[in-house]
Amino acid sequence: MTDLLRPRAAAVGVKAAVLSPASTPDAAKIERGLEALRNLGFLPVEAPHMLTRGPLYFAGTTEQRLLDLHAAFADDTVRVLFATRGGYGANYLLEELDMDVLGDHPKPLFGYSDLTALQVTLLDTLNLPAFHGPMVSPDFAREDGVHLPSLLAALSGEPYKVGKAEGLRLLKAGVDAQPVRGILYGGCLSILLALLGTAFEPQTENKLLFLEDVGTKPYQIDRMLWQLKQAEKLDGVKGIIFGEMLDCTSPGARPELLEEVILNALDDFDGPIGIGLRSGHVSRANVTLTFGVQAEFSATLDPELRMLEPAVAR
């Protein structure tokens, strides 16, 4: 078992703070998402600046967004936090995070996209597991936007696995046919790259890596993978699983170009490579992954990613 700062297990029926650590969400989508949370049995609590517009594209000033985040963690009646959306701006919170407050009141924080910056910082600093999963506006607000089995299993601490039904396909077998194990880690590829060279540089080395993105052309994925290698961030990585990679195409290019680019960029990578797992930017049924836990990737023709330990204290 890894030495994680595990939040208490939660289930439907608990209070869930809904907040906007980055950009302002669409109010109509938020209302639909809140209704979906209520229908599932959650009791959503709206953060004061959840719908604040500005400055610029932010949901309030850095101070306002930090206030909402710290208050949601400090409130012992709140058991789980859901971000409304990503966008841009979570990086501005990192320097002023009150690690004492966050560490004394660990909670599951659900998000992806721009929230990757916040999630991996809390994981690397506090060993607080990251819940890479659905957000209110893009996922709960639409039908079939949330993969409920993984969401509920992650919150309750029940063992679970994802595989072919969740989009996962084998792209390349590793040099060793045995399943690979490691600490699951990752998030939005472009956000992880943006943190390189900063005080919040992601600690991807020796991990089982999940990478996803949206609307990024294959040559841009190639460039980012090259940069990860040059920054020695793939050193010791056990295996790599890519997400659905929604709209990661070039106009007029053949559909298989992205996979060819990944295989070419990682031609000297010895571990297994999977692709297609619907977590993060997805077309439907957003899967929850728990970063920071031991996981196992079985790289067969029917691949599976299995969580080997809970991210919560049961």
C-alpha atoms as a PDB file:
ATOM      1  CA  MET A   1       0.000   0.000   0.000  1.00  0.00           C
ATOM      2  CA  THR A   2       1.322   3.420  -0.849  1.00  0.00           C
ATOM      3  CA  ASP A   3       1.503   6.076   1.848  1.00  0.00           C
ATOM      4  CA  LEU A   4      -1.403   8.140   0.576  1.00  0.00           C
ATOM      5  CA  LEU A   5      -3.300  10.918   2.319  1.00  0.00           C
ATOM      6  CA  ARG A   6      -6.617   9.191   1.758  1.00  0.00           C
ATOM      7  CA  PRO A   7      -9.874  11.120   2.122  1.00  0.00           C
ATOM      8  CA  ARG A   8     -12.777   9.428   3.834  1.00  0.00           C
ATOM      9  CA  ALA A   9     -14.836   7.188   1.605  1.00  0.00           C
ATOM     10  CA  ALA A  10     -18.004   8.829   0.342  1.00  0.00           C
ATOM     11  CA  ALA A  11     -21.187   7.824  -1.389  1.00  0.00           C
ATOM     12  CA  VAL A  12     -24.329   9.347  -2.784  1.00  0.00           C
ATOM     13  CA  GLY A  13     -26.245  11.305  -0.188  1.00  0.00           C
ATOM     14  CA  VAL A  14     -23.247  13.392   0.871  1.00  0.00           C
ATOM     15  CA  LYS A  15     -22.677  17.108   0.388  1.00  0.00           C
ATOM     16  CA  ALA A  16     -20.648  17.906  -2.718  1.00  0.00           C
ATOM     17  CA  ALA A  17     -19.050  21.319  -3.176  1.00  0.00           C
ATOM     18  CA  VAL A  18     -19.275  22.644  -6.741  1.00  0.00           C
ATOM     19  CA  LEU A  19     -16.626  25.234  -7.564  1.00  0.00           C
ATOM     20  CA  SER A  20     -14.796  26.877 -10.449  1.00  0.00           C
ATOM     21  CA  PRO A  21     -11.011  26.916  -9.889  1.00  0.00           C
ATOM     22  CA  ALA A  22     -10.351  27.998 -13.484  1.00  0.00           C
ATOM     23  CA  SER A  23     -12.757  29.488 -16.055  1.00  0.00           C
ATOM     24  CA  THR A  24     -16.397  30.513 -15.790  1.00  0.00           C
ATOM     25  CA  PRO A  25     -18.876  27.815 -16.805  1.00  0.00           C
ATOM     26  CA  ASP A  26     -22.103  28.192 -18.742  1.00  0.00           C
ATOM     27  CA  ALA A  27     -24.923  28.788 -16.248  1.00  0.00           C
ATOM     28  CA  ALA A  28     -27.481  26.684 -18.120  1.00  0.00           C
ATOM     29  CA  LYS A  29     -25.127  23.697 -18.264  1.00  0.00           C
ATOM     30  CA  ILE A  30     -24.363  24.093 -14.580  1.00  0.00           C
ATOM     31  CA  GLU A  31     -28.047  23.967 -13.712  1.00  0.00           C
ATOM     32  CA  ARG A  32     -28.443  20.752 -15.683  1.00  0.00           C
ATOM     33  CA  GLY A  33     -25.336  19.322 -14.045  1.00  0.00           C
ATOM     34  CA  LEU A  34     -26.512  20.227 -10.562  1.00  0.00           C
ATOM     35  CA  GLU A  35     -29.852  18.563 -11.256  1.00  0.00           C
ATOM     36  CA  ALA A  36     -28.028  15.425 -12.380  1.00  0.00           C
ATOM     37  CA  LEU A  37     -26.016  15.417  -9.150  1.00  0.00           C
ATOM     38  CA  ARG A  38     -29.214  15.754  -7.138  1.00  0.00           C
ATOM     39  CA  ASN A  39     -30.839  12.929  -9.093  1.00  0.00           C
ATOM     40  CA  LEU A  40     -27.880  10.717  -8.206  1.00  0.00           C
ATOM     41  CA  GLY A  41     -28.405  11.562  -4.546  1.00  0.00           C
ATOM     42  CA  PHE A  42     -25.612  14.094  -4.015  1.00  0.00           C
ATOM     43  CA  LEU A  43     -26.358  17.322  -2.173  1.00  0.00           C
ATOM     44  CA  PRO A  44     -24.550  20.000  -4.206  1.00  0.00           C
ATOM     45  CA  VAL A  45     -23.309  23.110  -2.425  1.00  0.00           C
ATOM     46  CA  GLU A  46     -22.540  26.008  -4.762  1.00  0.00           C
ATOM     47  CA  ALA A  47     -19.324  27.913  -4.073  1.00  0.00           C
ATOM     48  CA  PRO A  48     -19.838  31.694  -3.845  1.00  0.00           C
ATOM     49  CA  HIS A  49     -17.802  32.422  -6.988  1.00  0.00           C
ATOM     50  CA  MET A  50     -18.937  29.404  -8.997  1.00  0.00           C
ATOM     51  CA  LEU A  51     -20.433  31.597 -11.744  1.00  0.00           C
ATOM     52  CA  THR A  52     -18.316  34.722 -11.329  1.00  0.00           C
ATOM     53  CA  ARG A  53     -17.261  36.218 -14.661  1.00  0.00           C
ATOM     54  CA  GLY A  54     -13.871  37.855 -14.959  1.00  0.00           C
ATOM     55  CA  PRO A  55     -11.363  39.195 -14.760  1.00  0.00           C
ATOM     56  CA  LEU A  56     -10.620  38.014 -18.277  1.00  0.00           C
ATOM     57  CA  TYR A  57     -11.691  34.367 -18.694  1.00  0.00           C
ATOM     58  CA  PHE A  58     -11.335  33.494 -15.006  1.00  0.00           C
ATOM     59  CA  ALA A  59     -14.150  32.617 -12.604  1.00  0.00           C
ATOM     60  CA  GLY A  60     -13.132  35.400 -10.266  1.00  0.00           C
ATOM     61  CA  THR A  61      -9.781  36.652  -9.096  1.00  0.00           C
ATOM     62  CA  THR A  62      -7.092  34.274  -7.898  1.00  0.00           C
ATOM     63  CA  GLU A  63      -7.992  35.229  -4.331  1.00  0.00           C
ATOM     64  CA  GLN A  64     -11.697  34.504  -4.864  1.00  0.00           C
ATOM     65  CA  ARG A  65     -11.051  31.127  -6.416  1.00  0.00           C
ATOM     66  CA  LEU A  66      -8.613  30.211  -3.647  1.00  0.00           C
ATOM     67  CA  LEU A  67     -11.180  31.263  -1.063  1.00  0.00           C
ATOM     68  CA  ASP A  68     -13.749  28.897  -2.563  1.00  0.00           C
ATOM     69  CA  LEU A  69     -11.249  26.036  -2.759  1.00  0.00           C
ATOM     70  CA  HIS A  70      -9.969  26.415   0.797  1.00  0.00           C
ATOM     71  CA  ALA A  71     -13.493  26.829   2.180  1.00  0.00           C
ATOM     72  CA  ALA A  72     -14.718  23.678   0.426  1.00  0.00           C
ATOM     73  CA  PHE A  73     -11.850  21.647   1.851  1.00  0.00           C
ATOM     74  CA  ALA A  74     -12.197  23.131   5.347  1.00  0.00           C
ATOM     75  CA  ASP A  75     -15.953  22.491   5.564  1.00  0.00           C
ATOM     76  CA  ASP A  76     -16.233  19.142   7.337  1.00  0.00           C
ATOM     77  CA  THR A  77     -19.828  18.708   6.169  1.00  0.00           C
ATOM     78  CA  VAL A  78     -18.585  18.584   2.558  1.00  0.00           C
ATOM     79  CA  ARG A  79     -17.293  15.168   1.502  1.00  0.00           C
ATOM     80  CA  VAL A  80     -16.404  15.618  -2.158  1.00  0.00           C
ATOM     81  CA  LEU A  81     -15.531  18.466  -4.563  1.00  0.00           C
ATOM     82  CA  PHE A  82     -16.554  18.697  -8.211  1.00  0.00           C
ATOM     83  CA  ALA A  83     -15.053  21.311 -10.528  1.00  0.00           C
ATOM     84  CA  THR A  84     -17.560  22.946 -12.859  1.00  0.00           C
ATOM     85  CA  ARG A  85     -15.176  22.925 -15.824  1.00  0.00           C
ATOM     86  CA  GLY A  86     -11.562  23.407 -16.846  1.00  0.00           C
ATOM     87  CA  GLY A  87     -10.658  26.147 -19.269  1.00  0.00           C
ATOM     88  CA  TYR A  88      -7.696  28.044 -17.888  1.00  0.00           C
ATOM     89  CA  GLY A  89      -6.550  29.504 -14.593  1.00  0.00           C
ATOM     90  CA  ALA A  90      -5.944  26.746 -12.035  1.00  0.00           C
ATOM     91  CA  ASN A  91      -2.195  27.323 -12.401  1.00  0.00           C
ATOM     92  CA  TYR A  92      -2.558  30.732 -10.737  1.00  0.00           C
ATOM     93  CA  LEU A  93      -3.724  29.039  -7.536  1.00  0.00           C
ATOM     94  CA  LEU A  94      -0.666  26.858  -7.052  1.00  0.00           C
ATOM     95  CA  GLU A  95       1.650  29.377  -5.378  1.00  0.00           C
ATOM     96  CA  GLU A  96      -0.894  30.357  -2.719  1.00  0.00           C
ATOM     97  CA  LEU A  97      -2.368  26.975  -1.800  1.00  0.00           C
ATOM     98  CA  ASP A  98      -2.724  26.564   1.968  1.00  0.00           C
ATOM     99  CA  MET A  99      -1.289  23.076   2.265  1.00  0.00           C
ATOM    100  CA  ASP A 100      -2.074  22.958   5.979  1.00  0.00           C
ATOM    101  CA  VAL A 101      -5.792  23.442   5.353  1.00  0.00           C
ATOM    102  CA  LEU A 102      -5.843  21.048   2.415  1.00  0.00           C
ATOM    103  CA  GLY A 103      -3.757  18.433   4.206  1.00  0.00           C
ATOM    104  CA  ASP A 104      -5.832  18.589   7.382  1.00  0.00           C
ATOM    105  CA  HIS A 105      -9.098  18.109   5.464  1.00  0.00           C
ATOM    106  CA  PRO A 106      -8.392  15.757   2.548  1.00  0.00           C
ATOM    107  CA  LYS A 107     -11.266  15.459   0.073  1.00  0.00           C
ATOM    108  CA  PRO A 108     -11.740  13.868  -3.349  1.00  0.00           C
ATOM    109  CA  LEU A 109     -11.417  16.620  -5.983  1.00  0.00           C
ATOM    110  CA  PHE A 110     -12.884  15.640  -9.348  1.00  0.00           C
ATOM    111  CA  GLY A 111     -11.667  17.303 -12.526  1.00  0.00           C
ATOM    112  CA  TYR A 112      -9.450  17.076 -15.596  1.00  0.00           C
ATOM    113  CA  SER A 113      -8.161  19.379 -18.337  1.00  0.00           C
ATOM    114  CA  ASP A 114      -6.820  22.563 -16.685  1.00  0.00           C
ATOM    115  CA  LEU A 115      -7.492  20.994 -13.265  1.00  0.00           C
ATOM    116  CA  THR A 116      -4.542  18.661 -13.940  1.00  0.00           C
ATOM    117  CA  ALA A 117      -2.213  21.410 -12.675  1.00  0.00           C
ATOM    118  CA  LEU A 118      -3.995  21.545  -9.332  1.00  0.00           C
ATOM    119  CA  GLN A 119      -4.469  17.797  -8.998  1.00  0.00           C
ATOM    120  CA  VAL A 120      -0.870  16.737  -9.671  1.00  0.00           C
ATOM    121  CA  THR A 121       0.443  19.509  -7.405  1.00  0.00           C
ATOM    122  CA  LEU A 122      -1.678  18.228  -4.510  1.00  0.00           C
ATOM    123  CA  LEU A 123      -0.616  14.665  -5.306  1.00  0.00           C
ATOM    124  CA  ASP A 124       3.089  15.514  -5.496  1.00  0.00           C
ATOM    125  CA  THR A 125       3.031  17.813  -2.446  1.00  0.00           C
ATOM    126  CA  LEU A 126       0.573  16.162  -0.066  1.00  0.00           C
ATOM    127  CA  ASN A 127       0.224  12.697  -1.593  1.00  0.00           C
ATOM    128  CA  LEU A 128      -3.483  13.484  -1.918  1.00  0.00           C
ATOM    129  CA  PRO A 129      -4.943  11.179  -4.588  1.00  0.00           C
ATOM    130  CA  ALA A 130      -6.279  12.866  -7.708  1.00  0.00           C
ATOM    131  CA  PHE A 131      -9.708  11.935  -9.030  1.00  0.00           C
ATOM    132  CA  HIS A 132      -9.371  12.363 -12.788  1.00  0.00           C
ATOM    133  CA  GLY A 133     -13.036  12.233 -13.655  1.00  0.00           C
ATOM    134  CA  PRO A 134     -16.245  14.010 -14.602  1.00  0.00           C
ATOM    135  CA  MET A 135     -16.950  17.697 -14.114  1.00  0.00           C
ATOM    136  CA  VAL A 136     -20.320  19.368 -13.767  1.00  0.00           C
ATOM    137  CA  SER A 137     -20.655  21.339 -17.003  1.00  0.00           C
ATOM    138  CA  PRO A 138     -19.133  19.067 -19.666  1.00  0.00           C
ATOM    139  CA  ASP A 139     -20.161  15.714 -18.180  1.00  0.00           C
ATOM    140  CA  PHE A 140     -22.941  15.724 -15.582  1.00  0.00           C
ATOM    141  CA  ALA A 141     -24.874  18.210 -17.715  1.00  0.00           C
ATOM    142  CA  ARG A 142     -25.377  15.755 -20.567  1.00  0.00           C
ATOM    143  CA  GLU A 143     -26.938  12.336 -20.893  1.00  0.00           C
ATOM    144  CA  ASP A 144     -24.438   9.494 -20.697  1.00  0.00           C
ATOM    145  CA  GLY A 145     -21.731  11.950 -19.738  1.00  0.00           C
ATOM    146  CA  VAL A 146     -20.566  10.064 -16.647  1.00  0.00           C
ATOM    147  CA  HIS A 147     -19.295   6.515 -16.192  1.00  0.00           C
ATOM    148  CA  LEU A 148     -21.070   5.825 -12.915  1.00  0.00           C
ATOM    149  CA  PRO A 149     -19.451   2.470 -12.010  1.00  0.00           C
ATOM    150  CA  SER A 150     -15.953   3.961 -11.810  1.00  0.00           C
ATOM    151  CA  LEU A 151     -17.158   7.161 -10.114  1.00  0.00           C
ATOM    152  CA  LEU A 152     -18.959   5.310  -7.336  1.00  0.00           C
ATOM    153  CA  ALA A 153     -16.218   2.710  -6.933  1.00  0.00           C
ATOM    154  CA  ALA A 154     -13.544   5.410  -6.639  1.00  0.00           C
ATOM    155  CA  LEU A 155     -15.542   7.256  -3.969  1.00  0.00           C
ATOM    156  CA  SER A 156     -16.404   4.167  -1.960  1.00  0.00           C
ATOM    157  CA  GLY A 157     -13.004   2.520  -2.215  1.00  0.00           C
ATOM    158  CA  GLU A 158     -14.328  -0.576  -3.946  1.00  0.00           C
ATOM    159  CA  PRO A 159     -11.907  -2.321  -6.348  1.00  0.00           C
ATOM    160  CA  TYR A 160     -12.579  -1.730 -10.024  1.00  0.00           C
ATOM    161  CA  LYS A 161     -11.084  -2.098 -13.447  1.00  0.00           C
ATOM    162  CA  VAL A 162     -11.638  -0.585 -16.890  1.00  0.00           C
ATOM    163  CA  GLY A 163     -10.928  -1.996 -20.287  1.00  0.00           C
ATOM    164  CA  LYS A 164     -12.363  -2.604 -23.724  1.00  0.00           C
ATOM    165  CA  ALA A 165     -15.873  -1.482 -22.745  1.00  0.00           C
ATOM    166  CA  GLU A 166     -14.390   1.868 -21.698  1.00  0.00           C
ATOM    167  CA  GLY A 167     -12.552   2.276 -25.001  1.00  0.00           C
ATOM    168  CA  LEU A 168      -9.138   0.907 -24.040  1.00  0.00           C
ATOM    169  CA  ARG A 169      -7.202  -0.711 -26.912  1.00  0.00           C
ATOM    170  CA  LEU A 170      -3.700  -2.114 -27.109  1.00  0.00           C
ATOM    171  CA  LEU A 171      -1.405  -0.021 -29.273  1.00  0.00           C
ATOM    172  CA  LYS A 172       1.901  -1.763 -28.558  1.00  0.00           C
ATOM    173  CA  ALA A 173       2.860  -4.667 -26.335  1.00  0.00           C
ATOM    174  CA  GLY A 174       5.824  -4.222 -24.044  1.00  0.00           C
ATOM    175  CA  VAL A 175       9.023  -6.236 -24.238  1.00  0.00           C
ATOM    176  CA  ASP A 176       7.739  -8.234 -21.266  1.00  0.00           C
ATOM    177  CA  ALA A 177       4.432  -9.999 -21.756  1.00  0.00           C
ATOM    178  CA  GLN A 178       3.595  -9.788 -18.049  1.00  0.00           C
ATOM    179  CA  PRO A 179       1.220  -7.115 -16.689  1.00  0.00           C
ATOM    180  CA  VAL A 180       3.012  -3.986 -15.505  1.00  0.00           C
ATOM    181  CA  ARG A 181       2.397  -2.370 -12.143  1.00  0.00           C
ATOM    182  CA  GLY A 182       3.075   1.135 -10.912  1.00  0.00           C
ATOM    183  CA  ILE A 183       1.652   4.263  -9.374  1.00  0.00           C
ATOM    184  CA  LEU A 184      -0.997   5.608 -11.730  1.00  0.00           C
ATOM    185  CA  TYR A 185      -0.254   9.244 -12.616  1.00  0.00           C
ATOM    186  CA  GLY A 186      -0.969  11.779 -15.341  1.00  0.00           C
ATOM    187  CA  GLY A 187      -3.717  13.938 -16.770  1.00  0.00           C
ATOM    188  CA  CYS A 188      -3.992  16.399 -19.611  1.00  0.00           C
ATOM    189  CA  LEU A 189      -0.789  16.191 -21.648  1.00  0.00           C
ATOM    190  CA  SER A 190      -0.573  19.874 -22.593  1.00  0.00           C
ATOM    191  CA  ILE A 191      -1.055  20.947 -18.957  1.00  0.00           C
ATOM    192  CA  LEU A 192       1.619  18.545 -17.742  1.00  0.00           C
ATOM    193  CA  LEU A 193       3.980  20.028 -20.338  1.00  0.00           C
ATOM    194  CA  ALA A 194       3.135  23.576 -19.220  1.00  0.00           C
ATOM    195  CA  LEU A 195       4.341  22.711 -15.709  1.00  0.00           C
ATOM    196  CA  LEU A 196       7.812  21.621 -16.845  1.00  0.00           C
ATOM    197  CA  GLY A 197      10.539  23.956 -15.652  1.00  0.00           C
ATOM    198  CA  THR A 198       8.385  25.337 -12.839  1.00  0.00           C
ATOM    199  CA  ALA A 199       8.316  24.655  -9.103  1.00  0.00           C
ATOM    200  CA  PHE A 200       5.316  22.413  -9.821  1.00  0.00           C
ATOM    201  CA  GLU A 201       7.004  20.144 -12.351  1.00  0.00           C
ATOM    202  CA  PRO A 202       5.114  16.828 -12.557  1.00  0.00           C
ATOM    203  CA  GLN A 203       6.813  13.750 -11.150  1.00  0.00           C
ATOM    204  CA  THR A 204       6.052  11.255 -13.903  1.00  0.00           C
ATOM    205  CA  GLU A 205       9.207   9.176 -13.562  1.00  0.00           C
ATOM    206  CA  ASN A 206       8.764   5.473 -12.726  1.00  0.00           C
ATOM    207  CA  LYS A 207       4.976   5.774 -12.893  1.00  0.00           C
ATOM    208  CA  LEU A 208       2.233   4.078 -14.865  1.00  0.00           C
ATOM    209  CA  LEU A 209       1.317   7.034 -17.025  1.00  0.00           C
ATOM    210  CA  PHE A 210      -2.084   8.160 -18.316  1.00  0.00           C
ATOM    211  CA  LEU A 211      -2.017  10.950 -20.918  1.00  0.00           C
ATOM    212  CA  GLU A 212      -4.938  12.583 -22.702  1.00  0.00           C
ATOM    213  CA  ASP A 213      -5.785  15.751 -24.594  1.00  0.00           C
ATOM    214  CA  VAL A 214      -8.352  17.303 -26.910  1.00  0.00           C
ATOM    215  CA  GLY A 215      -8.203  19.133 -30.234  1.00  0.00           C
ATOM    216  CA  THR A 216      -4.444  18.735 -30.506  1.00  0.00           C
ATOM    217  CA  LYS A 217      -2.959  17.929 -33.908  1.00  0.00           C
ATOM    218  CA  PRO A 218      -0.793  14.806 -34.246  1.00  0.00           C
ATOM    219  CA  TYR A 219       2.392  16.812 -34.847  1.00  0.00           C
ATOM    220  CA  GLN A 220       1.715  18.702 -31.605  1.00  0.00           C
ATOM    221  CA  ILE A 221       1.340  15.414 -29.732  1.00  0.00           C
ATOM    222  CA  ASP A 222       4.648  14.343 -31.325  1.00  0.00           C
ATOM    223  CA  ARG A 223       6.330  17.523 -30.105  1.00  0.00           C
ATOM    224  CA  MET A 224       5.012  17.112 -26.564  1.00  0.00           C
ATOM    225  CA  LEU A 225       6.128  13.491 -26.348  1.00  0.00           C
ATOM    226  CA  TRP A 226       9.564  14.529 -27.619  1.00  0.00           C
ATOM    227  CA  GLN A 227       9.709  17.170 -24.896  1.00  0.00           C
ATOM    228  CA  LEU A 228       8.718  14.654 -22.200  1.00  0.00           C
ATOM    229  CA  LYS A 229      11.554  12.395 -23.342  1.00  0.00           C
ATOM    230  CA  GLN A 230      14.091  15.225 -23.453  1.00  0.00           C
ATOM    231  CA  ALA A 231      13.021  16.308 -19.957  1.00  0.00           C
ATOM    232  CA  GLU A 232      13.634  12.705 -18.803  1.00  0.00           C
ATOM    233  CA  LYS A 233      10.017  12.451 -17.717  1.00  0.00           C
ATOM    234  CA  LEU A 234       9.605   9.019 -19.284  1.00  0.00           C
ATOM    235  CA  ASP A 235      12.525   7.557 -17.353  1.00  0.00           C
ATOM    236  CA  GLY A 236      11.446   4.328 -15.719  1.00  0.00           C
ATOM    237  CA  VAL A 237       7.823   4.716 -16.789  1.00  0.00           C
ATOM    238  CA  LYS A 238       6.185   1.283 -16.574  1.00  0.00           C
ATOM    239  CA  GLY A 239       3.574   1.763 -19.265  1.00  0.00           C
ATOM    240  CA  ILE A 240       1.612   4.500 -21.017  1.00  0.00           C
ATOM    241  CA  ILE A 241      -2.121   4.656 -21.602  1.00  0.00           C
ATOM    242  CA  PHE A 242      -3.517   7.397 -23.807  1.00  0.00           C
ATOM    243  CA  GLY A 243      -7.060   8.664 -23.505  1.00  0.00           C
ATOM    244  CA  GLU A 244      -9.672   8.898 -26.227  1.00  0.00           C
ATOM    245  CA  MET A 245      -7.677  11.810 -27.707  1.00  0.00           C
ATOM    246  CA  LEU A 246     -10.872  13.467 -28.843  1.00  0.00           C
ATOM    247  CA  ASP A 247     -10.494  15.502 -32.059  1.00  0.00           C
ATOM    248  CA  CYS A 248      -6.708  15.024 -32.094  1.00  0.00           C
ATOM    249  CA  THR A 249      -6.615  14.999 -35.886  1.00  0.00           C
ATOM    250  CA  SER A 250      -5.349  17.076 -38.763  1.00  0.00           C
ATOM    251  CA  PRO A 251      -7.682  18.230 -41.557  1.00  0.00           C
ATOM    252  CA  GLY A 252      -7.496  15.782 -44.455  1.00  0.00           C
ATOM    253  CA  ALA A 253      -5.120  13.415 -42.664  1.00  0.00           C
ATOM    254  CA  ARG A 254      -5.813   9.708 -42.489  1.00  0.00           C
ATOM    255  CA  PRO A 255      -7.432   8.577 -39.210  1.00  0.00           C
ATOM    256  CA  GLU A 256      -4.533   6.368 -38.142  1.00  0.00           C
ATOM    257  CA  LEU A 257      -1.978   9.209 -38.242  1.00  0.00           C
ATOM    258  CA  LEU A 258      -2.174   9.898 -34.502  1.00  0.00           C
ATOM    259  CA  GLU A 259      -1.419   6.301 -33.578  1.00  0.00           C
ATOM    260  CA  GLU A 260       1.447   6.207 -36.068  1.00  0.00           C
ATOM    261  CA  VAL A 261       2.846   9.399 -34.540  1.00  0.00           C
ATOM    262  CA  ILE A 262       2.660   7.966 -31.016  1.00  0.00           C
ATOM    263  CA  LEU A 263       4.391   4.741 -32.048  1.00  0.00           C
ATOM    264  CA  ASN A 264       7.108   6.661 -33.891  1.00  0.00           C
ATOM    265  CA  ALA A 265       7.695   9.113 -31.034  1.00  0.00           C
ATOM    266  CA  LEU A 266       7.860   6.243 -28.518  1.00  0.00           C
ATOM    267  CA  ASP A 267       9.679   3.725 -30.708  1.00  0.00           C
ATOM    268  CA  ASP A 268      12.353   3.160 -28.051  1.00  0.00           C
ATOM    269  CA  PHE A 269       9.892   2.860 -25.159  1.00  0.00           C
ATOM    270  CA  ASP A 270      10.020  -0.669 -23.750  1.00  0.00           C
ATOM    271  CA  GLY A 271       6.764  -0.660 -21.834  1.00  0.00           C
ATOM    272  CA  PRO A 272       3.275  -1.376 -23.179  1.00  0.00           C
ATOM    273  CA  ILE A 273       1.184   1.385 -24.745  1.00  0.00           C
ATOM    274  CA  GLY A 274      -2.608   1.553 -24.752  1.00  0.00           C
ATOM    275  CA  ILE A 275      -4.986   4.111 -26.193  1.00  0.00           C
ATOM    276  CA  GLY A 276      -8.658   5.048 -26.241  1.00  0.00           C
ATOM    277  CA  LEU A 277      -9.543   4.977 -22.540  1.00  0.00           C
ATOM    278  CA  ARG A 278     -12.415   7.419 -22.071  1.00  0.00           C
ATOM    279  CA  SER A 279     -11.242   9.570 -19.165  1.00  0.00           C
ATOM    280  CA  GLY A 280     -10.950  13.344 -19.331  1.00  0.00           C
ATOM    281  CA  HIS A 281     -11.901  14.937 -22.650  1.00  0.00           C
ATOM    282  CA  VAL A 282     -14.261  12.300 -23.982  1.00  0.00           C
ATOM    283  CA  SER A 283     -17.242  11.799 -26.259  1.00  0.00           C
ATOM    284  CA  ARG A 284     -19.305  10.046 -23.574  1.00  0.00           C
ATOM    285  CA  ALA A 285     -19.261   8.158 -20.262  1.00  0.00           C
ATOM    286  CA  ASN A 286     -16.291   9.873 -18.596  1.00  0.00           C
ATOM    287  CA  VAL A 287     -14.336   7.301 -16.576  1.00  0.00           C
ATOM    288  CA  THR A 288     -12.911   8.161 -13.157  1.00  0.00           C
ATOM    289  CA  LEU A 289      -9.245   7.263 -12.645  1.00  0.00           C
ATOM    290  CA  THR A 290      -7.532   7.593  -9.277  1.00  0.00           C
ATOM    291  CA  PHE A 291      -3.988   8.919  -9.603  1.00  0.00           C
ATOM    292  CA  GLY A 292      -1.579   8.066  -6.818  1.00  0.00           C
ATOM    293  CA  VAL A 293      -2.719   4.472  -6.301  1.00  0.00           C
ATOM    294  CA  GLN A 294      -0.992   1.286  -7.331  1.00  0.00           C
ATOM    295  CA  ALA A 295      -2.477   0.038 -10.590  1.00  0.00           C
ATOM    296  CA  GLU A 296      -1.877  -2.769 -13.050  1.00  0.00           C
ATOM    297  CA  PHE A 297      -1.995  -2.604 -16.840  1.00  0.00           C
ATOM    298  CA  SER A 298      -2.569  -5.906 -18.612  1.00  0.00           C
ATOM    299  CA  ALA A 299      -1.422  -5.227 -22.168  1.00  0.00           C
ATOM    300  CA  THR A 300      -3.203  -8.028 -23.994  1.00  0.00           C
ATOM    301  CA  LEU A 301      -5.538  -7.966 -26.977  1.00  0.00           C
ATOM    302  CA  ASP A 302      -8.252  -7.466 -24.353  1.00  0.00           C
ATOM    303  CA  PRO A 303      -6.386  -4.896 -22.227  1.00  0.00           C
ATOM    304  CA  GLU A 304      -7.358  -3.894 -18.697  1.00  0.00           C
ATOM    305  CA  LEU A 305      -6.347  -1.208 -16.238  1.00  0.00           C
ATOM    306  CA  ARG A 306      -6.982  -2.364 -12.680  1.00  0.00           C
ATOM    307  CA  MET A 307      -6.856  -0.238  -9.515  1.00  0.00           C
ATOM    308  CA  LEU A 308      -5.010  -2.326  -6.940  1.00  0.00           C
ATOM    309  CA  GLU A 309      -5.802  -0.197  -3.902  1.00  0.00           C
ATOM    310  CA  PRO A 310      -8.420   2.348  -2.854  1.00  0.00           C
ATOM    311  CA  ALA A 311      -7.864   6.084  -3.077  1.00  0.00           C
ATOM    312  CA  VAL A 312     -10.083   6.615  -0.022  1.00  0.00           C
ATOM    313  CA  ALA A 313     -10.060   5.387   3.577  1.00  0.00           C
ATOM    314  CA  ARG A 314     -12.866   2.897   4.038  1.00  0.00           C
END
